[in-house]
């Protein structure tokens, strides 16, 4: 689970640093495999470590959805602020680099699972 989350850093890094569209294609292929493997690992973890699987799956999806919603809202507000100071191109680059750093930091939380 740790490696699955850590390798998802390649996705925002490719958009922020790539000088060719082919680098982005390669990063999307890697991110697709890691995302698929991670989702399988998470669901296996939920199935193996819960007594009431229906409730556990429901709660997993609930918190995943809430996290996605909050992340989208916060990043939308942040990019609006950053674009005012850094411009559109640099603002998006800074947000993608920040996303990569945040994914790397959050991936370390999976080492304790």
PDB file of N, CA and C in Angstrom:
ATOM      1  N   UNK A   1       0.831  -1.181   0.000  1.00  0.00           N
ATOM      2  CA  UNK A   1       0.000   0.000   0.000  1.00  0.00           C
ATOM      3  C   UNK A   1       0.879   1.248   0.000  1.00  0.00           C
ATOM      4  N   UNK A   2       1.995   1.182   0.729  1.00  0.00           N
ATOM      5  CA  UNK A   2       2.916   2.319   0.762  1.00  0.00           C
ATOM      6  C   UNK A   2       3.483   2.610  -0.620  1.00  0.00           C
ATOM      7  N   UNK A   3       3.978   1.593  -1.298  1.00  0.00           N
ATOM      8  CA  UNK A   3       4.556   1.805  -2.627  1.00  0.00           C
ATOM      9  C   UNK A   3       3.502   2.243  -3.636  1.00  0.00           C
ATOM     10  N   UNK A   4       2.302   1.731  -3.506  1.00  0.00           N
ATOM     11  CA  UNK A   4       1.233   2.148  -4.403  1.00  0.00           C
ATOM     12  C   UNK A   4       0.954   3.632  -4.291  1.00  0.00           C
ATOM     13  N   UNK A   5       0.905   4.137  -3.085  1.00  0.00           N
ATOM     14  CA  UNK A   5       0.669   5.569  -2.875  1.00  0.00           C
ATOM     15  C   UNK A   5       1.900   6.402  -3.230  1.00  0.00           C
ATOM     16  N   UNK A   6       3.066   5.893  -2.909  1.00  0.00           N
ATOM     17  CA  UNK A   6       4.282   6.660  -3.197  1.00  0.00           C
ATOM     18  C   UNK A   6       4.512   6.792  -4.703  1.00  0.00           C
ATOM     19  N   UNK A   7       4.219   5.751  -5.456  1.00  0.00           N
ATOM     20  CA  UNK A   7       4.423   5.817  -6.903  1.00  0.00           C
ATOM     21  C   UNK A   7       3.407   6.713  -7.598  1.00  0.00           C
ATOM     22  N   UNK A   8       2.323   7.065  -6.923  1.00  0.00           N
ATOM     23  CA  UNK A   8       1.386   8.012  -7.512  1.00  0.00           C
ATOM     24  C   UNK A   8       1.945   9.432  -7.555  1.00  0.00           C
ATOM     25  N   UNK A   9       3.110   9.625  -6.971  1.00  0.00           N
ATOM     26  CA  UNK A   9       3.799  10.908  -7.063  1.00  0.00           C
ATOM     27  C   UNK A   9       4.211  11.184  -8.512  1.00  0.00           C
ATOM     28  N   UNK A  10       4.394  10.131  -9.303  1.00  0.00           N
ATOM     29  CA  UNK A  10       4.834  10.316 -10.690  1.00  0.00           C
ATOM     30  C   UNK A  10       3.806  11.080 -11.520  1.00  0.00           C
ATOM     31  N   UNK A  11       2.546  10.954 -11.176  1.00  0.00           N
ATOM     32  CA  UNK A  11       1.503  11.612 -11.960  1.00  0.00           C
ATOM     33  C   UNK A  11       1.620  13.143 -11.917  1.00  0.00           C
ATOM     34  N   UNK A  12       1.570  13.781 -10.736  1.00  0.00           N
ATOM     35  CA  UNK A  12       1.691  15.249 -10.750  1.00  0.00           C
ATOM     36  C   UNK A  12       3.095  15.718 -11.137  1.00  0.00           C
ATOM     37  N   UNK A  13       4.116  14.935 -10.813  1.00  0.00           N
ATOM     38  CA  UNK A  13       5.470  15.336 -11.204  1.00  0.00           C
ATOM     39  C   UNK A  13       5.640  15.362 -12.710  1.00  0.00           C
ATOM     40  N   UNK A  14       5.012  14.420 -13.401  1.00  0.00           N
ATOM     41  CA  UNK A  14       5.147  14.399 -14.856  1.00  0.00           C
ATOM     42  C   UNK A  14       4.511  15.640 -15.472  1.00  0.00           C
ATOM     43  N   UNK A  15       3.375  16.053 -14.962  1.00  0.00           N
ATOM     44  CA  UNK A  15       2.736  17.252 -15.489  1.00  0.00           C
ATOM     45  C   UNK A  15       3.531  18.511 -15.149  1.00  0.00           C
ATOM     46  N   UNK A  16       4.149  18.548 -13.977  1.00  0.00           N
ATOM     47  CA  UNK A  16       4.878  19.737 -13.561  1.00  0.00           C
ATOM     48  C   UNK A  16       6.237  19.871 -14.246  1.00  0.00           C
ATOM     49  N   UNK A  17       6.905  18.747 -14.504  1.00  0.00           N
ATOM     50  CA  UNK A  17       8.295  18.813 -14.961  1.00  0.00           C
ATOM     51  C   UNK A  17       8.542  18.305 -16.370  1.00  0.00           C
ATOM     52  N   UNK A  18       7.566  17.692 -16.994  1.00  0.00           N
ATOM     53  CA  UNK A  18       7.792  17.066 -18.306  1.00  0.00           C
ATOM     54  C   UNK A  18       8.044  18.119 -19.383  1.00  0.00           C
ATOM     55  N   UNK A  19       8.963  17.790 -20.276  1.00  0.00           N
ATOM     56  CA  UNK A  19       9.211  18.659 -21.423  1.00  0.00           C
ATOM     57  C   UNK A  19       8.683  18.029 -22.709  1.00  0.00           C
ATOM     58  N   UNK A  20       8.034  16.885 -22.585  1.00  0.00           N
ATOM     59  CA  UNK A  20       7.477  16.182 -23.735  1.00  0.00           C
ATOM     60  C   UNK A  20       6.183  15.491 -23.322  1.00  0.00           C
ATOM     61  N   UNK A  21       5.265  15.406 -24.247  1.00  0.00           N
ATOM     62  CA  UNK A  21       3.995  14.750 -23.961  1.00  0.00           C
ATOM     63  C   UNK A  21       4.198  13.254 -23.729  1.00  0.00           C
ATOM     64  N   UNK A  22       5.246  12.680 -24.266  1.00  0.00           N
ATOM     65  CA  UNK A  22       5.501  11.246 -24.101  1.00  0.00           C
ATOM     66  C   UNK A  22       5.871  10.895 -22.663  1.00  0.00           C
ATOM     67  N   UNK A  23       6.492  11.815 -21.960  1.00  0.00           N
ATOM     68  CA  UNK A  23       6.784  11.608 -20.540  1.00  0.00           C
ATOM     69  C   UNK A  23       5.474  11.544 -19.760  1.00  0.00           C
ATOM     70  N   UNK A  24       4.539  12.386 -20.131  1.00  0.00           N
ATOM     71  CA  UNK A  24       3.229  12.382 -19.469  1.00  0.00           C
ATOM     72  C   UNK A  24       2.489  11.083 -19.770  1.00  0.00           C
ATOM     73  N   UNK A  25       2.573  10.598 -21.006  1.00  0.00           N
ATOM     74  CA  UNK A  25       1.953   9.313 -21.347  1.00  0.00           C
ATOM     75  C   UNK A  25       2.536   8.193 -20.494  1.00  0.00           C
ATOM     76  N   UNK A  26       3.851   8.147 -20.378  1.00  0.00           N
ATOM     77  CA  UNK A  26       4.507   7.112 -19.582  1.00  0.00           C
ATOM     78  C   UNK A  26       4.101   7.205 -18.112  1.00  0.00           C
ATOM     79  N   UNK A  27       4.046   8.411 -17.584  1.00  0.00           N
ATOM     80  CA  UNK A  27       3.652   8.592 -16.184  1.00  0.00           C
ATOM     81  C   UNK A  27       2.205   8.158 -15.958  1.00  0.00           C
ATOM     82  N   UNK A  28       1.328   8.403 -16.916  1.00  0.00           N
ATOM     83  CA  UNK A  28      -0.060   7.970 -16.783  1.00  0.00           C
ATOM     84  C   UNK A  28      -0.175   6.457 -16.813  1.00  0.00           C
ATOM     85  N   UNK A  29       0.672   5.791 -17.586  1.00  0.00           N
ATOM     86  CA  UNK A  29       0.675   4.325 -17.590  1.00  0.00           C
ATOM     87  C   UNK A  29       1.104   3.806 -16.227  1.00  0.00           C
ATOM     88  N   UNK A  30       2.162   4.378 -15.689  1.00  0.00           N
ATOM     89  CA  UNK A  30       2.645   3.968 -14.363  1.00  0.00           C
ATOM     90  C   UNK A  30       1.586   4.251 -13.305  1.00  0.00           C
ATOM     91  N   UNK A  31       1.005   5.440 -13.343  1.00  0.00           N
ATOM     92  CA  UNK A  31      -0.011   5.806 -12.352  1.00  0.00           C
ATOM     93  C   UNK A  31      -1.243   4.904 -12.461  1.00  0.00           C
ATOM     94  N   UNK A  32      -1.587   4.490 -13.674  1.00  0.00           N
ATOM     95  CA  UNK A  32      -2.727   3.582 -13.842  1.00  0.00           C
ATOM     96  C   UNK A  32      -2.500   2.244 -13.172  1.00  0.00           C
ATOM     97  N   UNK A  33      -1.308   1.699 -13.341  1.00  0.00           N
ATOM     98  CA  UNK A  33      -0.994   0.427 -12.691  1.00  0.00           C
ATOM     99  C   UNK A  33      -0.948   0.571 -11.172  1.00  0.00           C
ATOM    100  N   UNK A  34      -0.307   1.627 -10.677  1.00  0.00           N
ATOM    101  CA  UNK A  34      -0.205   1.782  -9.226  1.00  0.00           C
ATOM    102  C   UNK A  34      -1.562   2.073  -8.603  1.00  0.00           C
ATOM    103  N   UNK A  35      -2.399   2.829  -9.286  1.00  0.00           N
ATOM    104  CA  UNK A  35      -3.727   3.113  -8.753  1.00  0.00           C
ATOM    105  C   UNK A  35      -4.570   1.845  -8.696  1.00  0.00           C
ATOM    106  N   UNK A  36      -4.500   1.032  -9.726  1.00  0.00           N
ATOM    107  CA  UNK A  36      -5.250  -0.234  -9.736  1.00  0.00           C
ATOM    108  C   UNK A  36      -4.766  -1.163  -8.625  1.00  0.00           C
ATOM    109  N   UNK A  37      -3.451  -1.308  -8.493  1.00  0.00           N
ATOM    110  CA  UNK A  37      -2.901  -2.179  -7.455  1.00  0.00           C
ATOM    111  C   UNK A  37      -3.240  -1.661  -6.070  1.00  0.00           C
ATOM    112  N   UNK A  38      -3.200  -0.351  -5.894  1.00  0.00           N
ATOM    113  CA  UNK A  38      -3.526   0.224  -4.586  1.00  0.00           C
ATOM    114  C   UNK A  38      -4.981  -0.024  -4.220  1.00  0.00           C
ATOM    115  N   UNK A  39      -5.886   0.176  -5.165  1.00  0.00           N
ATOM    116  CA  UNK A  39      -7.300  -0.050  -4.868  1.00  0.00           C
ATOM    117  C   UNK A  39      -7.577  -1.497  -4.500  1.00  0.00           C
ATOM    118  N   UNK A  40      -6.927  -2.418  -5.173  1.00  0.00           N
ATOM    119  CA  UNK A  40      -7.083  -3.833  -4.828  1.00  0.00           C
ATOM    120  C   UNK A  40      -6.526  -4.097  -3.428  1.00  0.00           C
ATOM    121  N   UNK A  41      -5.388  -3.517  -3.123  1.00  0.00           N
ATOM    122  CA  UNK A  41      -4.780  -3.713  -1.801  1.00  0.00           C
ATOM    123  C   UNK A  41      -5.654  -3.132  -0.700  1.00  0.00           C
ATOM    124  N   UNK A  42      -6.235  -1.958  -0.928  1.00  0.00           N
ATOM    125  CA  UNK A  42      -7.081  -1.344   0.096  1.00  0.00           C
ATOM    126  C   UNK A  42      -8.337  -2.165   0.347  1.00  0.00           C
ATOM    127  N   UNK A  43      -8.959  -2.614  -0.726  1.00  0.00           N
ATOM    128  CA  UNK A  43     -10.171  -3.410  -0.549  1.00  0.00           C
ATOM    129  C   UNK A  43      -9.852  -4.745   0.118  1.00  0.00           C
ATOM    130  N   UNK A  44      -8.728  -5.347  -0.218  1.00  0.00           N
ATOM    131  CA  UNK A  44      -8.318  -6.590   0.440  1.00  0.00           C
ATOM    132  C   UNK A  44      -8.077  -6.347   1.925  1.00  0.00           C
ATOM    133  N   UNK A  45      -7.463  -5.223   2.253  1.00  0.00           N
ATOM    134  CA  UNK A  45      -7.214  -4.886   3.650  1.00  0.00           C
ATOM    135  C   UNK A  45      -8.530  -4.717   4.396  1.00  0.00           C
ATOM    136  N   UNK A  46      -9.489  -4.036   3.772  1.00  0.00           N
ATOM    137  CA  UNK A  46     -10.793  -3.837   4.413  1.00  0.00           C
ATOM    138  C   UNK A  46     -11.494  -5.179   4.615  1.00  0.00           C
ATOM    139  N   UNK A  47     -11.492  -6.036   3.588  1.00  0.00           N
ATOM    140  CA  UNK A  47     -12.132  -7.351   3.714  1.00  0.00           C
ATOM    141  C   UNK A  47     -11.472  -8.207   4.791  1.00  0.00           C
ATOM    142  N   UNK A  48     -10.156  -8.194   4.845  1.00  0.00           N
ATOM    143  CA  UNK A  48      -9.442  -9.066   5.778  1.00  0.00           C
ATOM    144  C   UNK A  48      -9.505  -8.591   7.223  1.00  0.00           C
ATOM    145  N   UNK A  49      -9.694  -7.309   7.448  1.00  0.00           N
ATOM    146  CA  UNK A  49      -9.596  -6.765   8.802  1.00  0.00           C
ATOM    147  C   UNK A  49     -10.904  -6.204   9.343  1.00  0.00           C
ATOM    148  N   UNK A  50     -12.029  -6.664   8.837  1.00  0.00           N
ATOM    149  CA  UNK A  50     -13.297  -6.167   9.358  1.00  0.00           C
ATOM    150  C   UNK A  50     -14.246  -7.325   9.645  1.00  0.00           C
ATOM    151  N   UNK A  51     -15.030  -7.136  10.670  1.00  0.00           N
ATOM    152  CA  UNK A  51     -16.037  -8.141  11.019  1.00  0.00           C
ATOM    153  C   UNK A  51     -17.303  -7.919  10.199  1.00  0.00           C
ATOM    154  N   UNK A  52     -17.713  -6.659  10.109  1.00  0.00           N
ATOM    155  CA  UNK A  52     -18.902  -6.297   9.335  1.00  0.00           C
ATOM    156  C   UNK A  52     -18.429  -5.656   8.032  1.00  0.00           C
ATOM    157  N   UNK A  53     -18.307  -6.476   7.003  1.00  0.00           N
ATOM    158  CA  UNK A  53     -17.718  -6.012   5.738  1.00  0.00           C
ATOM    159  C   UNK A  53     -18.566  -4.949   5.052  1.00  0.00           C
ATOM    160  N   UNK A  54     -19.864  -5.074   5.119  1.00  0.00           N
ATOM    161  CA  UNK A  54     -20.730  -4.093   4.464  1.00  0.00           C
ATOM    162  C   UNK A  54     -20.528  -2.701   5.048  1.00  0.00           C
ATOM    163  N   UNK A  55     -20.498  -2.629   6.364  1.00  0.00           N
ATOM    164  CA  UNK A  55     -20.285  -1.345   7.019  1.00  0.00           C
ATOM    165  C   UNK A  55     -18.886  -0.820   6.731  1.00  0.00           C
ATOM    166  N   UNK A  56     -17.888  -1.693   6.755  1.00  0.00           N
ATOM    167  CA  UNK A  56     -16.509  -1.271   6.508  1.00  0.00           C
ATOM    168  C   UNK A  56     -16.339  -0.732   5.086  1.00  0.00           C
ATOM    169  N   UNK A  57     -16.932  -1.402   4.114  1.00  0.00           N
ATOM    170  CA  UNK A  57     -16.837  -0.936   2.729  1.00  0.00           C
ATOM    171  C   UNK A  57     -17.581   0.386   2.571  1.00  0.00           C
ATOM    172  N   UNK A  58     -18.728   0.488   3.194  1.00  0.00           N
ATOM    173  CA  UNK A  58     -19.487   1.739   3.145  1.00  0.00           C
ATOM    174  C   UNK A  58     -18.719   2.897   3.751  1.00  0.00           C
ATOM    175  N   UNK A  59     -18.104   2.654   4.911  1.00  0.00           N
ATOM    176  CA  UNK A  59     -17.319   3.712   5.564  1.00  0.00           C
ATOM    177  C   UNK A  59     -16.079   4.063   4.750  1.00  0.00           C
ATOM    178  N   UNK A  60     -15.429   3.062   4.175  1.00  0.00           N
ATOM    179  CA  UNK A  60     -14.266   3.318   3.324  1.00  0.00           C
ATOM    180  C   UNK A  60     -14.651   4.242   2.161  1.00  0.00           C
ATOM    181  N   UNK A  61     -15.745   3.914   1.481  1.00  0.00           N
ATOM    182  CA  UNK A  61     -16.186   4.730   0.359  1.00  0.00           C
ATOM    183  C   UNK A  61     -16.657   6.113   0.804  1.00  0.00           C
ATOM    184  N   UNK A  62     -17.288   6.197   1.965  1.00  0.00           N
ATOM    185  CA  UNK A  62     -17.721   7.483   2.497  1.00  0.00           C
ATOM    186  C   UNK A  62     -16.528   8.396   2.743  1.00  0.00           C
ATOM    187  N   UNK A  63     -15.527   7.885   3.460  1.00  0.00           N
ATOM    188  CA  UNK A  63     -14.364   8.709   3.761  1.00  0.00           C
ATOM    189  C   UNK A  63     -13.535   9.010   2.525  1.00  0.00           C
ATOM    190  N   UNK A  64     -13.480   8.088   1.583  1.00  0.00           N
ATOM    191  CA  UNK A  64     -12.788   8.346   0.327  1.00  0.00           C
ATOM    192  C   UNK A  64     -13.482   9.478  -0.434  1.00  0.00           C
ATOM    193  N   UNK A  65     -14.798   9.446  -0.474  1.00  0.00           N
ATOM    194  CA  UNK A  65     -15.555  10.504  -1.140  1.00  0.00           C
ATOM    195  C   UNK A  65     -15.428  11.843  -0.445  1.00  0.00           C
ATOM    196  N   UNK A  66     -15.478  11.843   0.883  1.00  0.00           N
ATOM    197  CA  UNK A  66     -15.320  13.087   1.632  1.00  0.00           C
ATOM    198  C   UNK A  66     -13.922  13.659   1.417  1.00  0.00           C
ATOM    199  N   UNK A  67     -12.919  12.797   1.431  1.00  0.00           N
ATOM    200  CA  UNK A  67     -11.550  13.254   1.186  1.00  0.00           C
ATOM    201  C   UNK A  67     -11.379  13.827  -0.207  1.00  0.00           C
ATOM    202  N   UNK A  68     -12.007  13.203  -1.185  1.00  0.00           N
ATOM    203  CA  UNK A  68     -11.943  13.704  -2.556  1.00  0.00           C
ATOM    204  C   UNK A  68     -12.625  15.058  -2.669  1.00  0.00           C
ATOM    205  N   UNK A  69     -13.774  15.197  -2.041  1.00  0.00           N
ATOM    206  CA  UNK A  69     -14.503  16.465  -2.067  1.00  0.00           C
ATOM    207  C   UNK A  69     -13.701  17.576  -1.400  1.00  0.00           C
ATOM    208  N   UNK A  70     -13.176  17.298  -0.212  1.00  0.00           N
ATOM    209  CA  UNK A  70     -12.418  18.316   0.511  1.00  0.00           C
ATOM    210  C   UNK A  70     -11.149  18.688  -0.261  1.00  0.00           C
ATOM    211  N   UNK A  71     -10.462  17.683  -0.802  1.00  0.00           N
ATOM    212  CA  UNK A  71      -9.256  17.956  -1.575  1.00  0.00           C
ATOM    213  C   UNK A  71      -9.531  18.812  -2.794  1.00  0.00           C
ATOM    214  N   UNK A  72     -10.629  18.545  -3.479  1.00  0.00           N
ATOM    215  CA  UNK A  72     -10.982  19.334  -4.659  1.00  0.00           C
ATOM    216  C   UNK A  72     -11.321  20.772  -4.290  1.00  0.00           C
ATOM    217  N   UNK A  73     -12.074  20.958  -3.225  1.00  0.00           N
ATOM    218  CA  UNK A  73     -12.447  22.308  -2.811  1.00  0.00           C
ATOM    219  C   UNK A  73     -11.247  23.114  -2.332  1.00  0.00           C
ATOM    220  N   UNK A  74     -10.406  22.485  -1.527  1.00  0.00           N
ATOM    221  CA  UNK A  74      -9.226  23.189  -1.003  1.00  0.00           C
ATOM    222  C   UNK A  74      -8.255  23.516  -2.124  1.00  0.00           C
ATOM    223  N   UNK A  75      -8.023  22.567  -3.031  1.00  0.00           N
ATOM    224  CA  UNK A  75      -7.088  22.840  -4.119  1.00  0.00           C
ATOM    225  C   UNK A  75      -7.632  23.903  -5.068  1.00  0.00           C
ATOM    226  N   UNK A  76      -8.931  23.931  -5.287  1.00  0.00           N
ATOM    227  CA  UNK A  76      -9.524  24.982  -6.115  1.00  0.00           C
ATOM    228  C   UNK A  76      -9.327  26.357  -5.505  1.00  0.00           C
ATOM    229  N   UNK A  77      -9.520  26.452  -4.180  1.00  0.00           N
ATOM    230  CA  UNK A  77      -9.307  27.735  -3.506  1.00  0.00           C
ATOM    231  C   UNK A  77      -7.828  28.122  -3.520  1.00  0.00           C
ATOM    232  N   UNK A  78      -6.946  27.153  -3.301  1.00  0.00           N
ATOM    233  CA  UNK A  78      -5.511  27.451  -3.302  1.00  0.00           C
ATOM    234  C   UNK A  78      -5.011  27.888  -4.669  1.00  0.00           C
ATOM    235  N   UNK A  79      -5.448  27.226  -5.719  1.00  0.00           N
ATOM    236  CA  UNK A  79      -4.974  27.598  -7.048  1.00  0.00           C
ATOM    237  C   UNK A  79      -5.470  28.983  -7.419  1.00  0.00           C
ATOM    238  N   UNK A  80      -6.651  29.353  -6.968  1.00  0.00           N
ATOM    239  CA  UNK A  80      -7.150  30.707  -7.222  1.00  0.00           C
ATOM    240  C   UNK A  80      -6.252  31.745  -6.560  1.00  0.00           C
ATOM    241  N   UNK A  81      -5.821  31.472  -5.347  1.00  0.00           N
ATOM    242  CA  UNK A  81      -4.921  32.397  -4.650  1.00  0.00           C
ATOM    243  C   UNK A  81      -3.532  32.426  -5.284  1.00  0.00           C
ATOM    244  N   UNK A  82      -3.010  31.263  -5.608  1.00  0.00           N
ATOM    245  CA  UNK A  82      -1.645  31.189  -6.141  1.00  0.00           C
ATOM    246  C   UNK A  82      -1.548  31.808  -7.526  1.00  0.00           C
ATOM    247  N   UNK A  83      -2.562  31.632  -8.354  1.00  0.00           N
ATOM    248  CA  UNK A  83      -2.541  32.206  -9.707  1.00  0.00           C
ATOM    249  C   UNK A  83      -2.486  33.732  -9.644  1.00  0.00           C
ATOM    250  N   UNK A  84      -3.129  34.330  -8.647  1.00  0.00           N
ATOM    251  CA  UNK A  84      -3.086  35.784  -8.511  1.00  0.00           C
ATOM    252  C   UNK A  84      -1.674  36.299  -8.260  1.00  0.00           C
ATOM    253  N   UNK A  85      -0.844  35.502  -7.594  1.00  0.00           N
ATOM    254  CA  UNK A  85       0.517  35.936  -7.259  1.00  0.00           C
ATOM    255  C   UNK A  85       1.569  35.441  -8.242  1.00  0.00           C
ATOM    256  N   UNK A  86       1.430  34.231  -8.744  1.00  0.00           N
ATOM    257  CA  UNK A  86       2.490  33.628  -9.553  1.00  0.00           C
ATOM    258  C   UNK A  86       2.155  33.542 -11.037  1.00  0.00           C
ATOM    259  N   UNK A  87       0.939  33.829 -11.418  1.00  0.00           N
ATOM    260  CA  UNK A  87       0.538  33.666 -12.804  1.00  0.00           C
ATOM    261  C   UNK A  87       0.009  32.260 -13.041  1.00  0.00           C
ATOM    262  N   UNK A  88      -0.611  32.076 -14.194  1.00  0.00           N
ATOM    263  CA  UNK A  88      -1.276  30.807 -14.472  1.00  0.00           C
ATOM    264  C   UNK A  88      -0.296  29.643 -14.600  1.00  0.00           C
ATOM    265  N   UNK A  89       0.705  29.781 -15.440  1.00  0.00           N
ATOM    266  CA  UNK A  89       1.627  28.669 -15.689  1.00  0.00           C
ATOM    267  C   UNK A  89       2.406  28.284 -14.427  1.00  0.00           C
ATOM    268  N   UNK A  90       3.006  29.249 -13.771  1.00  0.00           N
ATOM    269  CA  UNK A  90       3.770  28.935 -12.550  1.00  0.00           C
ATOM    270  C   UNK A  90       2.858  28.495 -11.413  1.00  0.00           C
ATOM    271  N   UNK A  91       1.671  29.058 -11.341  1.00  0.00           N
ATOM    272  CA  UNK A  91       0.737  28.651 -10.291  1.00  0.00           C
ATOM    273  C   UNK A  91       0.354  27.190 -10.406  1.00  0.00           C
ATOM    274  N   UNK A  92       0.063  26.762 -11.624  1.00  0.00           N
ATOM    275  CA  UNK A  92      -0.277  25.352 -11.825  1.00  0.00           C
ATOM    276  C   UNK A  92       0.925  24.467 -11.541  1.00  0.00           C
ATOM    277  N   UNK A  93       2.112  24.884 -11.961  1.00  0.00           N
ATOM    278  CA  UNK A  93       3.326  24.103 -11.687  1.00  0.00           C
ATOM    279  C   UNK A  93       3.553  23.972 -10.180  1.00  0.00           C
ATOM    280  N   UNK A  94       3.392  25.061  -9.437  1.00  0.00           N
ATOM    281  CA  UNK A  94       3.586  25.013  -7.985  1.00  0.00           C
ATOM    282  C   UNK A  94       2.558  24.100  -7.317  1.00  0.00           C
ATOM    283  N   UNK A  95       1.322  24.157  -7.788  1.00  0.00           N
ATOM    284  CA  UNK A  95       0.296  23.287  -7.212  1.00  0.00           C
ATOM    285  C   UNK A  95       0.593  21.814  -7.492  1.00  0.00           C
ATOM    286  N   UNK A  96       1.059  21.499  -8.698  1.00  0.00           N
ATOM    287  CA  UNK A  96       1.397  20.113  -9.017  1.00  0.00           C
ATOM    288  C   UNK A  96       2.578  19.621  -8.189  1.00  0.00           C
ATOM    289  N   UNK A  97       3.576  20.474  -7.995  1.00  0.00           N
ATOM    290  CA  UNK A  97       4.709  20.089  -7.150  1.00  0.00           C
ATOM    291  C   UNK A  97       4.268  19.919  -5.696  1.00  0.00           C
ATOM    292  N   UNK A  98       3.371  20.786  -5.243  1.00  0.00           N
ATOM    293  CA  UNK A  98       2.821  20.635  -3.896  1.00  0.00           C
ATOM    294  C   UNK A  98       2.012  19.358  -3.747  1.00  0.00           C
ATOM    295  N   UNK A  99       1.267  19.009  -4.792  1.00  0.00           N
ATOM    296  CA  UNK A  99       0.505  17.758  -4.788  1.00  0.00           C
ATOM    297  C   UNK A  99       1.439  16.563  -4.692  1.00  0.00           C
ATOM    298  N   UNK A 100       2.530  16.593  -5.448  1.00  0.00           N
ATOM    299  CA  UNK A 100       3.501  15.486  -5.397  1.00  0.00           C
ATOM    300  C   UNK A 100       4.096  15.360  -3.996  1.00  0.00           C
ATOM    301  N   UNK A 101       4.450  16.486  -3.392  1.00  0.00           N
ATOM    302  CA  UNK A 101       5.012  16.454  -2.042  1.00  0.00           C
ATOM    303  C   UNK A 101       3.995  15.938  -1.035  1.00  0.00           C
ATOM    304  N   UNK A 102       2.753  16.382  -1.154  1.00  0.00           N
ATOM    305  CA  UNK A 102       1.706  15.922  -0.221  1.00  0.00           C
ATOM    306  C   UNK A 102       1.453  14.429  -0.376  1.00  0.00           C
ATOM    307  N   UNK A 103       1.472  13.923  -1.624  1.00  0.00           N
ATOM    308  CA  UNK A 103       1.283  12.490  -1.828  1.00  0.00           C
ATOM    309  C   UNK A 103       2.420  11.695  -1.209  1.00  0.00           C
ATOM    310  N   UNK A 104       3.642  12.202  -1.313  1.00  0.00           N
ATOM    311  CA  UNK A 104       4.785  11.506  -0.716  1.00  0.00           C
ATOM    312  C   UNK A 104       4.681  11.488   0.806  1.00  0.00           C
ATOM    313  N   UNK A 105       4.271  12.600   1.388  1.00  0.00           N
ATOM    314  CA  UNK A 105       4.138  12.667   2.844  1.00  0.00           C
ATOM    315  C   UNK A 105       3.031  11.740   3.333  1.00  0.00           C
ATOM    316  N   UNK A 106       1.888  11.762   2.652  1.00  0.00           N
ATOM    317  CA  UNK A 106       0.769  10.910   3.073  1.00  0.00           C
ATOM    318  C   UNK A 106       1.099   9.437   2.856  1.00  0.00           C
ATOM    319  N   UNK A 107       1.912   9.122   1.849  1.00  0.00           N
ATOM    320  CA  UNK A 107       2.293   7.714   1.615  1.00  0.00           C
ATOM    321  C   UNK A 107       3.044   7.149   2.811  1.00  0.00           C
ATOM    322  N   UNK A 108       3.775   7.979   3.533  1.00  0.00           N
ATOM    323  CA  UNK A 108       4.508   7.488   4.701  1.00  0.00           C
ATOM    324  C   UNK A 108       3.572   7.018   5.808  1.00  0.00           C
ATOM    325  N   UNK A 109       2.337   7.533   5.823  1.00  0.00           N
ATOM    326  CA  UNK A 109       1.375   7.077   6.824  1.00  0.00           C
ATOM    327  C   UNK A 109       1.009   5.614   6.627  1.00  0.00           C
ATOM    328  N   UNK A 110       1.147   5.106   5.419  1.00  0.00           N
ATOM    329  CA  UNK A 110       0.807   3.714   5.137  1.00  0.00           C
ATOM    330  C   UNK A 110       1.863   2.740   5.639  1.00  0.00           C
ATOM    331  N   UNK A 111       3.008   3.221   6.077  1.00  0.00           N
ATOM    332  CA  UNK A 111       4.016   2.303   6.619  1.00  0.00           C
ATOM    333  C   UNK A 111       3.604   1.751   7.977  1.00  0.00           C
ATOM    334  N   UNK A 112       2.678   2.420   8.664  1.00  0.00           N
ATOM    335  CA  UNK A 112       2.256   1.936   9.965  1.00  0.00           C
ATOM    336  C   UNK A 112       1.071   0.974   9.893  1.00  0.00           C
ATOM    337  N   UNK A 113       0.537   0.769   8.694  1.00  0.00           N
ATOM    338  CA  UNK A 113      -0.627  -0.119   8.546  1.00  0.00           C
ATOM    339  C   UNK A 113      -0.183  -1.560   8.517  1.00  0.00           C
TER     340      UNK A 113
END
